[in-house]
Amino acid sequence: MKRFLYIWLSCWLALTMQAQQMRILQFEKLKKGPLNMRHVVTDKQQAIIDLTTSESGFTFLANGKTEIAAEEGDGMLTLKSPHKTTHIVVKHPEYGQLTWKVPGRKGLLKKKHYTAVLQTAKPDEEYKLQKQWVVFELKPSHAIFTVDSTTSIVNQSKTQMYLPLGKHTYKAEAPFYTEVEDSFELTDQEQQNITVALQPIYSYITVKTPMEGADILIDGVHIGYTQGTSGHLNEGPHQVVIMKGDQKYYDQIVNIGWQEKKVIKLKSTDLKPIATPTPVQQDLAQLLPSAARSTASKETADKKTAGKNKKASKSTYKSIPFATQYAIEEVNDTIAQIPFRETTNYGMLNVHANEIGAQVYIDGKLSGTTPCIVKQLPAGKTCKVRLVKAGFRDTEKVVKVEGNNLAEVNLKLKKK
């Protein structure tokens, strides 16, 4: 009898140790947001859950009975689970078996989309990061921004995202700007900072007149004599004036389309003296619709807008779904690292907050700026994590470093 109990206890301990090699963390339900801008995919009959992992070869059982097929993606497994699944059994030939209880009372529900991280670890191997931070700086600050298949509206100049390692694609688009599409690759070395600059789309007007030496003005800006071409113009109405001396011969509002190169060829019959002359230096801006602005006045408006944006960067902004956007200071990539130790004797902290660019202090030592991953911290060490940023109250949290693992540290900064 004692021998049987010994064998049973040994098997139970072996299974328990194997289960510790797999964990499911960071479980959350995706929210669609206004007008479903995030394009969250759902199923009318089943629940969908994306598990972030770099491994393969798993078997999944809903409620320990029904096998779930896993669709492999880039650093991710997508499962479609039955309605009200309360727990999932995860099996792997190398990592053993794990029974994961779904947080909450109702379980996984149909018409809902969830995400989580399936973490695997071997005690004798170094823990490897599965995600990394990327900070995008957008120009202009207002844009519709898509990373992979998830779309969000960005209203500030910078946005931070925590994405799986590997290759990702992005697209940025804004009215009156050319669309930009590109890709990037995340590694476990350090966060990436990517500047996405959209080029404005302009139109042009060329005016030709038979009147030798006539002044040609568009929106009050002189563009040439007898013949001339405008600078960059926005889509919409613009005022074209032909003058010679103090006499005005032509004054019309011309509409120009998006990226249009319009040529106006005037005839002698189009040029007739206008009874009430207008001085060349008159402020035409008061006579035109807001859309009819010269290149010079546009540059002045841009400078004023830039000044307002600079002031606005000192204000507190509310977060929006998925991408969490903020107007912030430049991000410093430098991460202070403690000298290398054996893999089982150190861990990492993933420090992020509602503000990008806050200074991260670990036990009083500057270790980077949010968001950042602080590596090679002594396992078992209790660290005081403090965030500092101008205009906000300092905030701190005491966390314990897990050996050969990544601990989440998410803090909130409040305006003074």
Protein backbone atom coordinates (compact mmCIF):
# COMPACT_ATOMS: atom_id res chain seq x y z
CA MET A 1 0.00 0.00 0.00
CA LYS A 2 2.80 2.40 0.92
CA ARG A 3 4.52 1.67 -2.38
CA PHE A 4 1.34 2.46 -4.30
CA LEU A 5 0.92 5.77 -2.46
CA TYR A 6 4.55 6.62 -3.17
CA ILE A 7 4.11 5.98 -6.91
CA TRP A 8 0.86 8.00 -7.00
CA LEU A 9 2.45 10.90 -5.14
CA SER A 10 5.46 10.90 -7.48
CA CYS A 11 3.22 11.03 -10.56
CA TRP A 12 1.15 13.84 -9.06
CA LEU A 13 4.27 15.89 -8.28
CA ALA A 14 5.61 15.31 -11.82
CA LEU A 15 2.35 16.53 -13.39
CA THR A 16 2.28 19.54 -11.07
CA MET A 17 5.84 20.51 -12.02
CA GLN A 18 4.99 20.18 -15.71
CA ALA A 19 1.91 22.35 -15.31
CA GLN A 20 4.06 25.09 -13.83
CA GLN A 21 5.87 25.27 -17.18
CA MET A 22 2.72 26.74 -18.80
CA ARG A 23 0.68 29.75 -17.70
CA ILE A 24 -2.05 31.86 -19.29
CA LEU A 25 -1.70 35.54 -18.41
CA GLN A 26 -3.01 38.99 -19.37
CA PHE A 27 -6.52 37.79 -20.20
CA GLU A 28 -8.85 40.52 -21.48
CA LYS A 29 -11.92 41.06 -23.63
CA LEU A 30 -11.52 43.17 -26.76
CA LYS A 31 -13.80 46.17 -27.07
CA LYS A 32 -15.06 47.33 -30.42
CA GLY A 33 -15.01 51.05 -29.66
CA PRO A 34 -17.01 53.71 -31.55
CA LEU A 35 -18.33 52.43 -34.90
CA ASN A 36 -16.26 49.25 -34.42
CA MET A 37 -13.14 51.13 -35.56
CA ARG A 38 -10.98 48.31 -34.20
CA HIS A 39 -12.68 45.81 -36.54
CA VAL A 40 -13.03 43.20 -33.77
CA VAL A 41 -13.96 39.85 -35.32
CA THR A 42 -16.67 37.85 -33.50
CA ASP A 43 -18.62 34.63 -34.07
CA LYS A 44 -22.38 34.32 -33.53
CA GLN A 45 -22.14 30.77 -32.14
CA GLN A 46 -18.70 30.63 -30.46
CA ALA A 47 -16.23 32.64 -28.44
CA ILE A 48 -12.91 33.62 -30.04
CA ILE A 49 -9.67 33.86 -28.06
CA ASP A 50 -6.21 34.79 -29.36
CA LEU A 51 -3.31 33.25 -27.42
CA THR A 52 0.04 34.95 -27.93
CA THR A 53 2.83 32.34 -28.05
CA SER A 54 5.90 31.53 -30.09
CA GLU A 55 5.44 27.77 -29.54
CA SER A 56 3.35 25.17 -31.41
CA GLY A 57 2.18 21.59 -30.87
CA PHE A 58 -0.55 22.35 -28.31
CA THR A 59 -3.82 20.49 -27.88
CA PHE A 60 -6.81 22.34 -26.39
CA LEU A 61 -9.91 20.84 -24.75
CA ALA A 62 -12.91 23.04 -23.91
CA ASN A 63 -14.23 22.13 -20.44
CA GLY A 64 -11.80 19.21 -20.60
CA LYS A 65 -13.93 17.38 -23.20
CA THR A 66 -14.34 19.10 -26.57
CA GLU A 67 -11.18 19.46 -28.65
CA ILE A 68 -10.62 22.96 -30.05
CA ALA A 69 -8.78 23.46 -33.34
CA ALA A 70 -6.06 26.14 -33.16
CA GLU A 71 -5.51 28.41 -36.15
CA GLU A 72 -1.84 29.44 -36.30
CA GLY A 73 -0.93 33.05 -37.01
CA ASP A 74 2.15 35.24 -36.68
CA GLY A 75 3.13 34.63 -33.05
CA MET A 76 -0.44 33.75 -32.15
CA LEU A 77 -2.93 30.88 -31.90
CA THR A 78 -6.64 31.62 -32.47
CA LEU A 79 -9.21 29.34 -30.83
CA LYS A 80 -12.97 29.18 -31.36
CA SER A 81 -14.44 27.82 -28.15
CA PRO A 82 -18.03 26.77 -27.34
CA HIS A 83 -20.32 29.25 -25.62
CA LYS A 84 -19.82 29.45 -21.83
CA THR A 85 -16.54 27.54 -21.73
CA THR A 86 -15.44 27.77 -18.07
CA HIS A 87 -12.04 26.09 -18.35
CA ILE A 88 -9.60 24.91 -21.01
CA VAL A 89 -7.17 22.00 -20.72
CA VAL A 90 -3.89 22.73 -22.51
CA LYS A 91 -1.60 19.81 -23.42
CA HIS A 92 1.88 19.85 -24.88
CA PRO A 93 4.31 16.94 -25.39
CA GLU A 94 7.19 18.95 -23.91
CA TYR A 95 5.54 21.27 -21.38
CA GLY A 96 2.98 18.87 -19.96
CA GLN A 97 -0.62 19.74 -19.11
CA LEU A 98 -2.36 22.83 -17.73
CA THR A 99 -5.97 23.31 -16.69
CA TRP A 100 -6.82 27.01 -17.07
CA LYS A 101 -9.93 28.38 -15.40
CA VAL A 102 -11.46 31.28 -17.33
CA PRO A 103 -11.67 34.39 -15.07
CA GLY A 104 -15.22 35.38 -14.12
CA ARG A 105 -18.36 33.36 -13.55
CA LYS A 106 -19.78 33.11 -17.06
CA GLY A 107 -16.70 31.83 -18.90
CA LEU A 108 -16.01 32.52 -22.60
CA LEU A 109 -19.15 33.84 -24.30
CA LYS A 110 -20.25 33.74 -27.92
CA LYS A 111 -20.10 37.00 -29.93
CA LYS A 112 -17.04 38.00 -27.83
CA HIS A 113 -13.35 38.19 -28.70
CA TYR A 114 -10.68 37.69 -26.03
CA THR A 115 -6.88 37.84 -25.88
CA ALA A 116 -4.33 36.29 -23.52
CA VAL A 117 -0.68 35.27 -23.37
CA LEU A 118 0.19 31.56 -23.27
CA GLN A 119 3.50 31.56 -21.46
CA THR A 120 5.81 28.57 -21.57
CA ALA A 121 9.07 28.13 -19.68
CA LYS A 122 11.75 25.57 -18.96
CA PRO A 123 13.60 25.90 -15.65
CA ASP A 124 16.90 25.12 -17.35
CA GLU A 125 16.46 27.61 -20.22
CA GLU A 126 16.50 31.40 -20.31
CA TYR A 127 13.10 33.08 -20.45
CA LYS A 128 12.47 34.73 -23.81
CA LEU A 129 10.33 37.79 -24.37
CA GLN A 130 7.26 37.24 -26.51
CA LYS A 131 6.22 40.89 -26.86
CA GLN A 132 7.93 44.26 -27.18
CA TRP A 133 6.99 47.95 -27.12
CA VAL A 134 6.83 50.18 -30.19
CA VAL A 135 6.21 53.95 -30.09
CA PHE A 136 4.83 55.62 -33.23
CA GLU A 137 5.20 59.35 -33.88
CA LEU A 138 2.63 60.47 -36.44
CA LYS A 139 2.83 63.52 -38.68
CA PRO A 140 0.21 64.95 -38.89
CA SER A 141 -0.98 64.13 -35.38
CA HIS A 142 -4.52 63.31 -36.55
CA ALA A 143 -4.71 60.11 -38.58
CA ILE A 144 -6.45 56.77 -39.04
CA PHE A 145 -3.80 54.25 -38.06
CA THR A 146 -3.88 50.50 -38.74
CA VAL A 147 -1.39 47.98 -37.36
CA ASP A 148 -1.81 44.48 -38.81
CA SER A 149 -5.64 44.29 -39.00
CA THR A 150 -6.53 46.56 -36.08
CA THR A 151 -7.57 50.15 -36.84
CA SER A 152 -7.72 53.07 -34.41
CA ILE A 153 -8.16 56.84 -34.61
CA VAL A 154 -5.08 58.75 -33.40
CA ASN A 155 -5.63 62.31 -32.21
CA GLN A 156 -2.20 63.00 -30.68
CA SER A 157 1.31 62.93 -32.08
CA LYS A 158 2.46 59.70 -30.38
CA THR A 159 0.96 56.32 -29.57
CA GLN A 160 2.42 53.26 -27.81
CA MET A 161 1.65 49.60 -28.55
CA TYR A 162 2.75 46.31 -26.96
CA LEU A 163 2.96 43.78 -29.78
CA PRO A 164 4.22 40.20 -30.32
CA LEU A 165 7.78 39.82 -31.58
CA GLY A 166 8.13 39.45 -35.33
CA LYS A 167 7.07 41.30 -38.45
CA HIS A 168 4.09 43.68 -38.48
CA THR A 169 2.52 45.93 -41.09
CA TYR A 170 1.02 49.38 -40.62
CA LYS A 171 -0.93 51.93 -42.63
CA ALA A 172 -1.57 55.60 -41.89
CA GLU A 173 -4.04 57.83 -43.71
CA ALA A 174 -5.43 61.33 -43.22
CA PRO A 175 -7.49 63.75 -45.33
CA PHE A 176 -5.35 65.78 -47.79
CA TYR A 177 -2.30 63.56 -47.19
CA THR A 178 -0.81 60.67 -49.13
CA GLU A 179 -1.39 57.23 -47.60
CA VAL A 180 1.65 55.47 -46.10
CA GLU A 181 2.04 51.68 -45.86
CA ASP A 182 5.13 49.93 -44.47
CA SER A 183 6.29 47.13 -42.18
CA PHE A 184 8.60 46.73 -39.19
CA GLU A 185 10.06 43.88 -37.16
CA LEU A 186 10.13 43.73 -33.37
CA THR A 187 12.94 41.93 -31.53
CA ASP A 188 13.51 41.25 -27.84
CA GLN A 189 16.45 43.68 -27.69
CA GLU A 190 14.73 47.05 -27.16
CA GLN A 191 11.63 49.05 -27.95
CA GLN A 192 11.32 50.62 -31.39
CA ASN A 193 10.55 54.25 -32.17
CA ILE A 194 9.00 54.77 -35.61
CA THR A 195 8.21 58.11 -37.22
CA VAL A 196 5.39 57.99 -39.78
CA ALA A 197 5.33 61.18 -41.87
CA LEU A 198 2.49 61.64 -44.35
CA GLN A 199 3.14 64.03 -47.23
CA PRO A 200 0.46 66.66 -47.88
CA ILE A 201 -1.35 66.53 -51.21
CA TYR A 202 -1.46 69.85 -53.07
CA SER A 203 -2.97 71.28 -56.23
CA TYR A 204 -1.69 73.97 -58.61
CA ILE A 205 -3.13 76.72 -60.81
CA THR A 206 -1.36 78.10 -63.90
CA VAL A 207 -2.70 81.37 -65.35
CA LYS A 208 -1.89 82.65 -68.87
CA THR A 209 -3.02 86.09 -70.03
CA PRO A 210 -2.53 87.99 -73.33
CA MET A 211 -1.97 91.24 -71.41
CA GLU A 212 1.76 91.90 -71.47
CA GLY A 213 3.22 92.74 -68.05
CA ALA A 214 -0.04 92.12 -66.16
CA ASP A 215 0.23 91.17 -62.48
CA ILE A 216 -1.26 87.76 -61.66
CA LEU A 217 -2.39 87.17 -58.08
CA ILE A 218 -3.89 84.06 -56.46
CA ASP A 219 -5.44 84.60 -53.05
CA GLY A 220 -3.57 87.92 -52.87
CA VAL A 221 -0.14 86.40 -53.59
CA HIS A 222 1.74 87.57 -56.68
CA ILE A 223 2.75 84.57 -58.85
CA GLY A 224 4.10 86.25 -61.98
CA TYR A 225 3.70 88.68 -64.90
CA THR A 226 1.65 87.73 -67.99
CA GLN A 227 1.98 84.06 -67.05
CA GLY A 228 2.53 82.31 -63.70
CA THR A 229 2.03 79.13 -61.66
CA SER A 230 0.91 79.06 -58.05
CA GLY A 231 2.64 77.38 -55.15
CA HIS A 232 0.97 74.54 -53.23
CA LEU A 233 -2.79 75.02 -52.99
CA ASN A 234 -5.38 73.08 -51.05
CA GLU A 235 -8.46 71.66 -52.68
CA GLY A 236 -11.30 74.19 -52.88
CA PRO A 237 -11.99 77.78 -54.01
CA HIS A 238 -9.22 80.30 -54.77
CA GLN A 239 -9.37 83.91 -55.99
CA VAL A 240 -7.61 84.75 -59.27
CA VAL A 241 -6.96 88.45 -59.95
CA ILE A 242 -5.34 90.12 -63.00
CA MET A 243 -4.13 93.71 -62.53
CA LYS A 244 -2.02 96.24 -64.37
CA GLY A 245 -0.97 99.20 -62.30
CA ASP A 246 -3.87 100.05 -60.02
CA GLN A 247 -6.49 98.82 -62.46
CA LYS A 248 -8.10 95.43 -61.96
CA TYR A 249 -9.12 93.55 -65.15
CA TYR A 250 -10.14 90.14 -63.84
CA ASP A 251 -11.45 88.89 -60.49
CA GLN A 252 -12.92 85.38 -60.25
CA ILE A 253 -13.21 82.54 -57.74
CA VAL A 254 -11.85 79.31 -59.25
CA ASN A 255 -12.50 75.89 -57.73
CA ILE A 256 -9.70 73.35 -57.89
CA GLY A 257 -9.95 69.64 -57.19
CA TRP A 258 -7.79 67.23 -55.21
CA GLN A 259 -4.31 66.93 -56.80
CA GLU A 260 -5.59 68.92 -59.81
CA LYS A 261 -3.21 70.88 -62.03
CA LYS A 262 -5.54 73.51 -63.52
CA VAL A 263 -4.50 75.77 -66.42
CA ILE A 264 -6.49 78.98 -67.03
CA LYS A 265 -5.96 80.50 -70.50
CA LEU A 266 -7.52 83.96 -70.63
CA LYS A 267 -8.50 85.75 -73.80
CA SER A 268 -8.57 89.49 -74.46
CA THR A 269 -12.36 89.40 -74.14
CA ASP A 270 -12.00 88.04 -70.56
CA LEU A 271 -10.03 91.11 -69.46
CA LYS A 272 -12.23 94.13 -68.83
CA PRO A 273 -11.59 97.07 -66.49
CA ILE A 274 -13.47 96.68 -63.22
CA ALA A 275 -15.14 99.91 -62.12
CA THR A 276 -14.10 99.83 -58.45
CA PRO A 277 -10.41 98.96 -58.20
CA THR A 278 -9.08 97.18 -55.18
CA PRO A 279 -5.54 98.06 -53.93
CA VAL A 280 -3.09 95.22 -54.32
CA GLN A 281 -2.25 95.33 -50.61
CA GLN A 282 -5.91 94.98 -49.52
CA ASP A 283 -6.52 92.19 -47.05
CA LEU A 284 -8.24 89.67 -49.34
CA ALA A 285 -8.63 87.17 -46.52
CA GLN A 286 -11.66 89.10 -45.23
CA LEU A 287 -13.42 88.76 -48.61
CA LEU A 288 -12.83 85.03 -49.12
CA PRO A 289 -14.33 81.84 -47.69
CA SER A 290 -12.18 80.14 -45.06
CA ALA A 291 -11.11 77.50 -47.58
CA ALA A 292 -9.59 80.11 -49.99
CA ARG A 293 -6.23 80.81 -48.38
CA SER A 294 -2.91 81.60 -49.97
CA THR A 295 0.23 79.57 -49.47
CA ALA A 296 1.70 82.39 -47.36
CA SER A 297 -1.33 82.66 -45.08
CA LYS A 298 -1.40 78.86 -44.77
CA GLU A 299 2.20 78.86 -43.54
CA THR A 300 1.27 81.48 -40.92
CA ALA A 301 -1.71 79.38 -39.82
CA ASP A 302 0.51 76.31 -39.60
CA LYS A 303 2.92 78.15 -37.29
CA LYS A 304 0.05 79.23 -35.04
CA THR A 305 -1.31 75.68 -35.01
CA ALA A 306 2.12 74.35 -34.12
CA GLY A 307 2.28 76.77 -31.20
CA LYS A 308 -1.12 75.64 -29.95
CA ASN A 309 -0.11 72.00 -30.25
CA LYS A 310 3.02 72.71 -28.22
CA LYS A 311 0.91 74.24 -25.44
CA ALA A 312 -1.60 71.41 -25.67
CA SER A 313 1.15 68.88 -25.04
CA LYS A 314 1.20 70.02 -21.40
CA SER A 315 -2.43 69.00 -20.88
CA THR A 316 -3.75 65.65 -19.72
CA TYR A 317 -5.39 63.54 -22.39
CA LYS A 318 -7.84 60.72 -21.95
CA SER A 319 -6.98 57.32 -23.42
CA ILE A 320 -8.97 55.83 -26.34
CA PRO A 321 -9.50 52.09 -27.11
CA PHE A 322 -6.67 49.73 -28.03
CA ALA A 323 -3.92 52.14 -28.96
CA THR A 324 -3.88 54.59 -25.92
CA GLN A 325 -2.78 57.90 -27.34
CA TYR A 326 -1.04 60.84 -25.56
CA ALA A 327 0.83 64.08 -26.33
CA ILE A 328 4.20 63.52 -24.63
CA GLU A 329 7.87 64.25 -24.56
CA GLU A 330 10.57 62.43 -26.56
CA VAL A 331 11.16 58.81 -25.51
CA ASN A 332 14.62 57.83 -24.27
CA ASP A 333 15.44 54.25 -25.25
CA THR A 334 18.31 53.79 -22.79
CA ILE A 335 17.70 50.91 -20.38
CA ALA A 336 20.08 50.53 -17.45
CA GLN A 337 20.97 46.87 -17.06
CA ILE A 338 22.40 44.99 -14.13
CA PRO A 339 25.36 42.68 -14.98
CA PHE A 340 24.35 39.28 -16.40
CA ARG A 341 23.52 36.45 -14.03
CA GLU A 342 22.49 32.84 -14.50
CA THR A 343 19.07 32.52 -16.18
CA THR A 344 17.32 31.18 -13.09
CA ASN A 345 18.76 34.00 -10.94
CA TYR A 346 17.35 37.02 -12.74
CA GLY A 347 14.05 38.33 -14.09
CA MET A 348 12.56 41.28 -15.97
CA LEU A 349 10.02 44.04 -15.39
CA ASN A 350 7.66 45.32 -18.11
CA VAL A 351 7.03 48.90 -16.97
CA HIS A 352 4.35 50.98 -18.71
CA ALA A 353 1.86 53.70 -17.82
CA ASN A 354 -0.87 55.96 -19.15
CA GLU A 355 1.86 58.45 -20.16
CA ILE A 356 4.74 57.83 -22.57
CA GLY A 357 8.15 59.22 -21.64
CA ALA A 358 7.92 59.07 -17.83
CA GLN A 359 11.29 58.36 -16.20
CA VAL A 360 11.50 54.88 -14.63
CA TYR A 361 13.50 54.55 -11.42
CA ILE A 362 14.27 51.09 -9.99
CA ASP A 363 15.33 51.44 -6.34
CA GLY A 364 16.29 55.05 -7.04
CA LYS A 365 18.31 54.33 -10.19
CA LEU A 366 17.17 55.67 -13.56
CA SER A 367 16.45 52.62 -15.73
CA GLY A 368 14.67 54.03 -18.79
CA THR A 369 11.43 55.75 -19.80
CA THR A 370 7.93 54.35 -20.27
CA PRO A 371 7.26 52.03 -21.91
CA CYS A 372 10.35 49.88 -21.30
CA ILE A 373 11.47 46.40 -20.28
CA VAL A 374 14.12 46.40 -17.55
CA LYS A 375 16.23 43.26 -17.83
CA GLN A 376 18.54 41.17 -15.66
CA LEU A 377 17.19 42.06 -12.23
CA PRO A 378 18.08 39.66 -9.36
CA ALA A 379 15.42 36.99 -8.89
CA GLY A 380 13.42 37.26 -5.69
CA LYS A 381 14.47 40.87 -5.19
CA THR A 382 11.80 43.29 -4.00
CA CYS A 383 12.11 46.46 -6.11
CA LYS A 384 10.55 49.88 -5.71
CA VAL A 385 9.45 51.13 -9.14
CA ARG A 386 8.91 54.91 -9.30
CA LEU A 387 7.70 56.99 -12.25
CA VAL A 388 8.55 60.68 -12.59
CA LYS A 389 7.28 63.14 -15.20
CA ALA A 390 6.98 66.94 -15.21
CA GLY A 391 3.43 68.12 -14.52
CA PHE A 392 2.40 64.83 -12.87
CA ARG A 393 2.57 63.43 -9.37
CA ASP A 394 5.21 60.79 -8.78
CA THR A 395 3.81 57.29 -8.47
CA GLU A 396 5.48 54.13 -7.25
CA LYS A 397 4.87 50.45 -6.69
CA VAL A 398 6.76 47.68 -4.91
CA VAL A 399 7.09 44.51 -6.98
CA LYS A 400 8.93 41.22 -6.57
CA VAL A 401 11.13 40.04 -9.43
CA GLU A 402 10.27 36.53 -10.67
CA GLY A 403 13.23 34.38 -11.62
CA ASN A 404 13.57 33.74 -15.36
CA ASN A 405 10.28 35.54 -16.03
CA LEU A 406 8.64 38.86 -16.98
CA ALA A 407 6.55 40.71 -14.37
CA GLU A 408 3.96 43.31 -15.42
CA VAL A 409 4.14 46.78 -13.81
CA ASN A 410 1.33 49.07 -14.99
CA LEU A 411 1.13 52.44 -13.22
CA LYS A 412 -1.08 55.50 -13.56
CA LEU A 413 0.23 59.06 -13.44
CA LYS A 414 -2.10 61.79 -12.19
CA LYS A 415 -1.82 65.46 -13.11
CA LYS A 416 -0.73 67.80 -10.32
